[in-house]
């Protein structure tokens, strides 16, 4: 790969396989996609009232379950990130090359869930829906405009000679 692409990065920006560390934006996006699971974990740890935390964020239970469905894509991507090592199976390499598409699909599906919540169940305000749509547009723009994300997806760890 061209050295000019890496000119802005220091040694601390690389991992032990000499690949550029993943962008913090990818982790932030994964947290956003996995918010259904995060809310679920918070509600499980609340011993007094486990349901109220979920109902506060997701008034309609169908939205909660659909959020878990879109979050499943995020869980899959976390698995791919965890298995992203030189000795990884071929399916991990293929999935890593399509990581951006998985992220865009997951966040778009999540936005569709919000549209359903607004138009079908009328439980989301228009301001919240527009804010959510703006966040999704910013994340998608980040995924396709960020040089670091582009480099992250292009690279896959290889064994280094000792």
C-alpha atoms as a PDB file:
ATOM      1  CA  UNK A   1       0.000   0.000   0.000  1.00  0.00           C
ATOM      2  CA  UNK A   2       1.049   3.536  -0.591  1.00  0.00           C
ATOM      3  CA  UNK A   3       3.010   5.221   2.188  1.00  0.00           C
ATOM      4  CA  UNK A   4       1.234   8.543   1.552  1.00  0.00           C
ATOM      5  CA  UNK A   5      -2.020   7.039   2.853  1.00  0.00           C
ATOM      6  CA  UNK A   6      -0.396   6.423   6.235  1.00  0.00           C
ATOM      7  CA  UNK A   7       1.607   9.650   6.501  1.00  0.00           C
ATOM      8  CA  UNK A   8      -0.793  11.208   9.034  1.00  0.00           C
ATOM      9  CA  UNK A   9      -0.597   8.293  11.469  1.00  0.00           C
ATOM     10  CA  UNK A  10       1.957   7.589  14.181  1.00  0.00           C
ATOM     11  CA  UNK A  11       3.268   4.264  15.430  1.00  0.00           C
ATOM     12  CA  UNK A  12       0.678   4.238  18.228  1.00  0.00           C
ATOM     13  CA  UNK A  13      -2.105   4.234  15.594  1.00  0.00           C
ATOM     14  CA  UNK A  14      -1.172   0.688  14.526  1.00  0.00           C
ATOM     15  CA  UNK A  15      -1.947  -2.616  16.210  1.00  0.00           C
ATOM     16  CA  UNK A  16       0.318  -5.600  16.806  1.00  0.00           C
ATOM     17  CA  UNK A  17      -0.347  -6.904  13.258  1.00  0.00           C
ATOM     18  CA  UNK A  18       0.843  -3.596  11.731  1.00  0.00           C
ATOM     19  CA  UNK A  19      -2.717  -2.684  10.716  1.00  0.00           C
ATOM     20  CA  UNK A  20      -4.270   0.678  11.426  1.00  0.00           C
ATOM     21  CA  UNK A  21      -6.384   0.500  14.604  1.00  0.00           C
ATOM     22  CA  UNK A  22     -10.099   0.648  13.969  1.00  0.00           C
ATOM     23  CA  UNK A  23     -11.682   4.066  13.851  1.00  0.00           C
ATOM     24  CA  UNK A  24     -13.413   5.142  17.061  1.00  0.00           C
ATOM     25  CA  UNK A  25     -16.363   6.132  14.874  1.00  0.00           C
ATOM     26  CA  UNK A  26     -16.962   2.462  14.027  1.00  0.00           C
ATOM     27  CA  UNK A  27     -17.151   1.637  17.727  1.00  0.00           C
ATOM     28  CA  UNK A  28     -19.499   4.584  18.320  1.00  0.00           C
ATOM     29  CA  UNK A  29     -21.702   3.418  15.459  1.00  0.00           C
ATOM     30  CA  UNK A  30     -21.776  -0.109  16.879  1.00  0.00           C
ATOM     31  CA  UNK A  31     -22.866   1.276  20.265  1.00  0.00           C
ATOM     32  CA  UNK A  32     -25.633   3.176  18.508  1.00  0.00           C
ATOM     33  CA  UNK A  33     -26.793   0.061  16.651  1.00  0.00           C
ATOM     34  CA  UNK A  34     -26.571  -2.070  19.811  1.00  0.00           C
ATOM     35  CA  UNK A  35     -28.551   0.334  21.998  1.00  0.00           C
ATOM     36  CA  UNK A  36     -31.450  -2.152  22.220  1.00  0.00           C
ATOM     37  CA  UNK A  37     -29.115  -4.726  23.757  1.00  0.00           C
ATOM     38  CA  UNK A  38     -27.549  -2.110  26.022  1.00  0.00           C
ATOM     39  CA  UNK A  39     -30.998  -1.048  27.306  1.00  0.00           C
ATOM     40  CA  UNK A  40     -31.901  -4.700  27.759  1.00  0.00           C
ATOM     41  CA  UNK A  41     -28.747  -5.320  29.831  1.00  0.00           C
ATOM     42  CA  UNK A  42     -29.444  -2.242  31.949  1.00  0.00           C
ATOM     43  CA  UNK A  43     -32.997  -3.433  32.571  1.00  0.00           C
ATOM     44  CA  UNK A  44     -31.817  -6.927  33.547  1.00  0.00           C
ATOM     45  CA  UNK A  45     -29.496  -5.467  36.181  1.00  0.00           C
ATOM     46  CA  UNK A  46     -32.315  -3.352  37.651  1.00  0.00           C
ATOM     47  CA  UNK A  47     -33.693  -5.684  40.334  1.00  0.00           C
ATOM     48  CA  UNK A  48     -36.659  -3.498  41.324  1.00  0.00           C
ATOM     49  CA  UNK A  49     -38.357  -2.936  37.981  1.00  0.00           C
ATOM     50  CA  UNK A  50     -36.936  -4.637  34.923  1.00  0.00           C
ATOM     51  CA  UNK A  51     -39.627  -3.644  32.436  1.00  0.00           C
ATOM     52  CA  UNK A  52     -39.834   0.107  33.090  1.00  0.00           C
ATOM     53  CA  UNK A  53     -36.364   0.847  31.681  1.00  0.00           C
ATOM     54  CA  UNK A  54     -37.226  -0.816  28.383  1.00  0.00           C
ATOM     55  CA  UNK A  55     -40.664   0.842  28.247  1.00  0.00           C
ATOM     56  CA  UNK A  56     -39.141   4.249  28.913  1.00  0.00           C
ATOM     57  CA  UNK A  57     -36.935   3.980  25.795  1.00  0.00           C
ATOM     58  CA  UNK A  58     -39.159   1.709  23.687  1.00  0.00           C
ATOM     59  CA  UNK A  59     -42.853   2.391  24.523  1.00  0.00           C
ATOM     60  CA  UNK A  60     -43.964  -0.172  21.939  1.00  0.00           C
ATOM     61  CA  UNK A  61     -42.563  -3.665  22.596  1.00  0.00           C
ATOM     62  CA  UNK A  62     -42.456  -4.354  18.859  1.00  0.00           C
ATOM     63  CA  UNK A  63     -39.946  -1.526  18.444  1.00  0.00           C
ATOM     64  CA  UNK A  64     -37.773  -3.077  21.152  1.00  0.00           C
ATOM     65  CA  UNK A  65     -37.764  -6.458  19.406  1.00  0.00           C
ATOM     66  CA  UNK A  66     -37.055  -4.860  16.029  1.00  0.00           C
ATOM     67  CA  UNK A  67     -34.201  -2.929  17.639  1.00  0.00           C
ATOM     68  CA  UNK A  68     -32.802  -6.232  18.886  1.00  0.00           C
ATOM     69  CA  UNK A  69     -33.094  -7.598  15.347  1.00  0.00           C
ATOM     70  CA  UNK A  70     -31.105  -4.722  13.850  1.00  0.00           C
ATOM     71  CA  UNK A  71     -28.686  -4.994  16.779  1.00  0.00           C
ATOM     72  CA  UNK A  72     -28.063  -8.625  15.839  1.00  0.00           C
ATOM     73  CA  UNK A  73     -26.171  -7.331  12.806  1.00  0.00           C
ATOM     74  CA  UNK A  74     -24.044  -5.284  15.192  1.00  0.00           C
ATOM     75  CA  UNK A  75     -23.384  -8.375  17.311  1.00  0.00           C
ATOM     76  CA  UNK A  76     -22.314 -10.213  14.176  1.00  0.00           C
ATOM     77  CA  UNK A  77     -19.904  -7.406  13.300  1.00  0.00           C
ATOM     78  CA  UNK A  78     -18.439  -7.473  16.799  1.00  0.00           C
ATOM     79  CA  UNK A  79     -17.803 -11.189  16.259  1.00  0.00           C
ATOM     80  CA  UNK A  80     -16.096 -10.429  12.944  1.00  0.00           C
ATOM     81  CA  UNK A  81     -13.951  -7.731  14.607  1.00  0.00           C
ATOM     82  CA  UNK A  82     -13.001 -10.147  17.398  1.00  0.00           C
ATOM     83  CA  UNK A  83     -12.030 -12.844  14.875  1.00  0.00           C
ATOM     84  CA  UNK A  84     -10.084 -10.410  12.669  1.00  0.00           C
ATOM     85  CA  UNK A  85      -6.684 -12.042  13.089  1.00  0.00           C
ATOM     86  CA  UNK A  86      -4.116 -13.462  10.649  1.00  0.00           C
ATOM     87  CA  UNK A  87      -5.314 -17.040  11.152  1.00  0.00           C
ATOM     88  CA  UNK A  88      -8.994 -16.120  10.649  1.00  0.00           C
ATOM     89  CA  UNK A  89     -11.290 -18.239   8.537  1.00  0.00           C
ATOM     90  CA  UNK A  90     -12.013 -17.137   4.992  1.00  0.00           C
ATOM     91  CA  UNK A  91     -15.604 -16.129   5.849  1.00  0.00           C
ATOM     92  CA  UNK A  92     -14.245 -13.579   8.350  1.00  0.00           C
ATOM     93  CA  UNK A  93     -12.095 -11.997   5.620  1.00  0.00           C
ATOM     94  CA  UNK A  94     -15.051 -11.847   3.235  1.00  0.00           C
ATOM     95  CA  UNK A  95     -17.354 -10.388   5.902  1.00  0.00           C
ATOM     96  CA  UNK A  96     -14.715  -7.825   6.856  1.00  0.00           C
ATOM     97  CA  UNK A  97     -14.547  -6.594   3.255  1.00  0.00           C
ATOM     98  CA  UNK A  98     -18.315  -5.965   3.431  1.00  0.00           C
ATOM     99  CA  UNK A  99     -18.282  -4.483   6.936  1.00  0.00           C
ATOM    100  CA  UNK A 100     -19.328  -1.037   5.722  1.00  0.00           C
ATOM    101  CA  UNK A 101     -22.336  -2.497   3.873  1.00  0.00           C
ATOM    102  CA  UNK A 102     -23.394  -4.402   7.009  1.00  0.00           C
ATOM    103  CA  UNK A 103     -23.157  -1.212   9.084  1.00  0.00           C
ATOM    104  CA  UNK A 104     -25.150   0.830   6.565  1.00  0.00           C
ATOM    105  CA  UNK A 105     -27.803  -1.891   6.364  1.00  0.00           C
ATOM    106  CA  UNK A 106     -28.085  -2.133  10.156  1.00  0.00           C
ATOM    107  CA  UNK A 107     -28.403   1.606  10.707  1.00  0.00           C
ATOM    108  CA  UNK A 108     -30.819   1.980   7.766  1.00  0.00           C
ATOM    109  CA  UNK A 109     -32.978  -0.837   9.133  1.00  0.00           C
ATOM    110  CA  UNK A 110     -32.933   0.914  12.495  1.00  0.00           C
ATOM    111  CA  UNK A 111     -34.115   4.138  10.834  1.00  0.00           C
ATOM    112  CA  UNK A 112     -36.926   2.253   9.097  1.00  0.00           C
ATOM    113  CA  UNK A 113     -37.998   0.983  12.522  1.00  0.00           C
ATOM    114  CA  UNK A 114     -38.203   4.600  13.683  1.00  0.00           C
ATOM    115  CA  UNK A 115     -40.279   5.542  10.650  1.00  0.00           C
ATOM    116  CA  UNK A 116     -42.639   2.694  11.489  1.00  0.00           C
ATOM    117  CA  UNK A 117     -42.788   3.966  15.065  1.00  0.00           C
ATOM    118  CA  UNK A 118     -43.751   7.412  13.825  1.00  0.00           C
ATOM    119  CA  UNK A 119     -46.166   6.609  11.003  1.00  0.00           C
ATOM    120  CA  UNK A 120     -47.750   3.357  12.222  1.00  0.00           C
ATOM    121  CA  UNK A 121     -47.712   3.481  16.025  1.00  0.00           C
ATOM    122  CA  UNK A 122     -47.419   7.298  16.448  1.00  0.00           C
ATOM    123  CA  UNK A 123     -45.082   6.888  19.432  1.00  0.00           C
ATOM    124  CA  UNK A 124     -42.111   8.927  18.208  1.00  0.00           C
ATOM    125  CA  UNK A 125     -42.247  12.690  17.776  1.00  0.00           C
ATOM    126  CA  UNK A 126     -41.393  14.241  14.450  1.00  0.00           C
ATOM    127  CA  UNK A 127     -38.459  16.109  16.025  1.00  0.00           C
ATOM    128  CA  UNK A 128     -37.006  12.872  17.366  1.00  0.00           C
ATOM    129  CA  UNK A 129     -37.486  11.156  14.005  1.00  0.00           C
ATOM    130  CA  UNK A 130     -35.765  13.996  12.126  1.00  0.00           C
ATOM    131  CA  UNK A 131     -32.920  14.057  14.648  1.00  0.00           C
ATOM    132  CA  UNK A 132     -32.546  10.319  14.307  1.00  0.00           C
ATOM    133  CA  UNK A 133     -32.526  10.593  10.495  1.00  0.00           C
ATOM    134  CA  UNK A 134     -29.828  13.287  10.711  1.00  0.00           C
ATOM    135  CA  UNK A 135     -27.699  11.039  12.957  1.00  0.00           C
ATOM    136  CA  UNK A 136     -28.061   8.186  10.474  1.00  0.00           C
ATOM    137  CA  UNK A 137     -27.067  10.439   7.570  1.00  0.00           C
ATOM    138  CA  UNK A 138     -24.012  11.660   9.502  1.00  0.00           C
ATOM    139  CA  UNK A 139     -22.954   8.069  10.280  1.00  0.00           C
ATOM    140  CA  UNK A 140     -23.393   6.946   6.676  1.00  0.00           C
ATOM    141  CA  UNK A 141     -21.455   9.976   5.477  1.00  0.00           C
ATOM    142  CA  UNK A 142     -18.722   9.173   7.975  1.00  0.00           C
ATOM    143  CA  UNK A 143     -18.504   5.562   6.768  1.00  0.00           C
ATOM    144  CA  UNK A 144     -18.063   6.591   3.141  1.00  0.00           C
ATOM    145  CA  UNK A 145     -15.952   9.739   3.556  1.00  0.00           C
ATOM    146  CA  UNK A 146     -13.520   8.725   6.280  1.00  0.00           C
ATOM    147  CA  UNK A 147     -10.070   7.844   4.987  1.00  0.00           C
ATOM    148  CA  UNK A 148      -9.356   5.849   8.153  1.00  0.00           C
ATOM    149  CA  UNK A 149     -12.464   3.684   7.679  1.00  0.00           C
ATOM    150  CA  UNK A 150     -11.463   3.119   4.062  1.00  0.00           C
ATOM    151  CA  UNK A 151      -7.998   1.987   5.179  1.00  0.00           C
ATOM    152  CA  UNK A 152      -9.457  -0.169   7.965  1.00  0.00           C
ATOM    153  CA  UNK A 153     -11.663  -2.077   5.534  1.00  0.00           C
ATOM    154  CA  UNK A 154      -8.884  -2.455   2.967  1.00  0.00           C
ATOM    155  CA  UNK A 155      -6.476  -4.002   5.494  1.00  0.00           C
ATOM    156  CA  UNK A 156      -6.663  -7.445   7.031  1.00  0.00           C
ATOM    157  CA  UNK A 157      -4.067  -8.664   9.547  1.00  0.00           C
ATOM    158  CA  UNK A 158      -1.314 -10.910   8.246  1.00  0.00           C
ATOM    159  CA  UNK A 159       1.352 -12.795  10.126  1.00  0.00           C
ATOM    160  CA  UNK A 160       4.433 -10.697  10.525  1.00  0.00           C
ATOM    161  CA  UNK A 161       7.867 -12.203  10.032  1.00  0.00           C
ATOM    162  CA  UNK A 162       9.762 -12.471  13.286  1.00  0.00           C
END
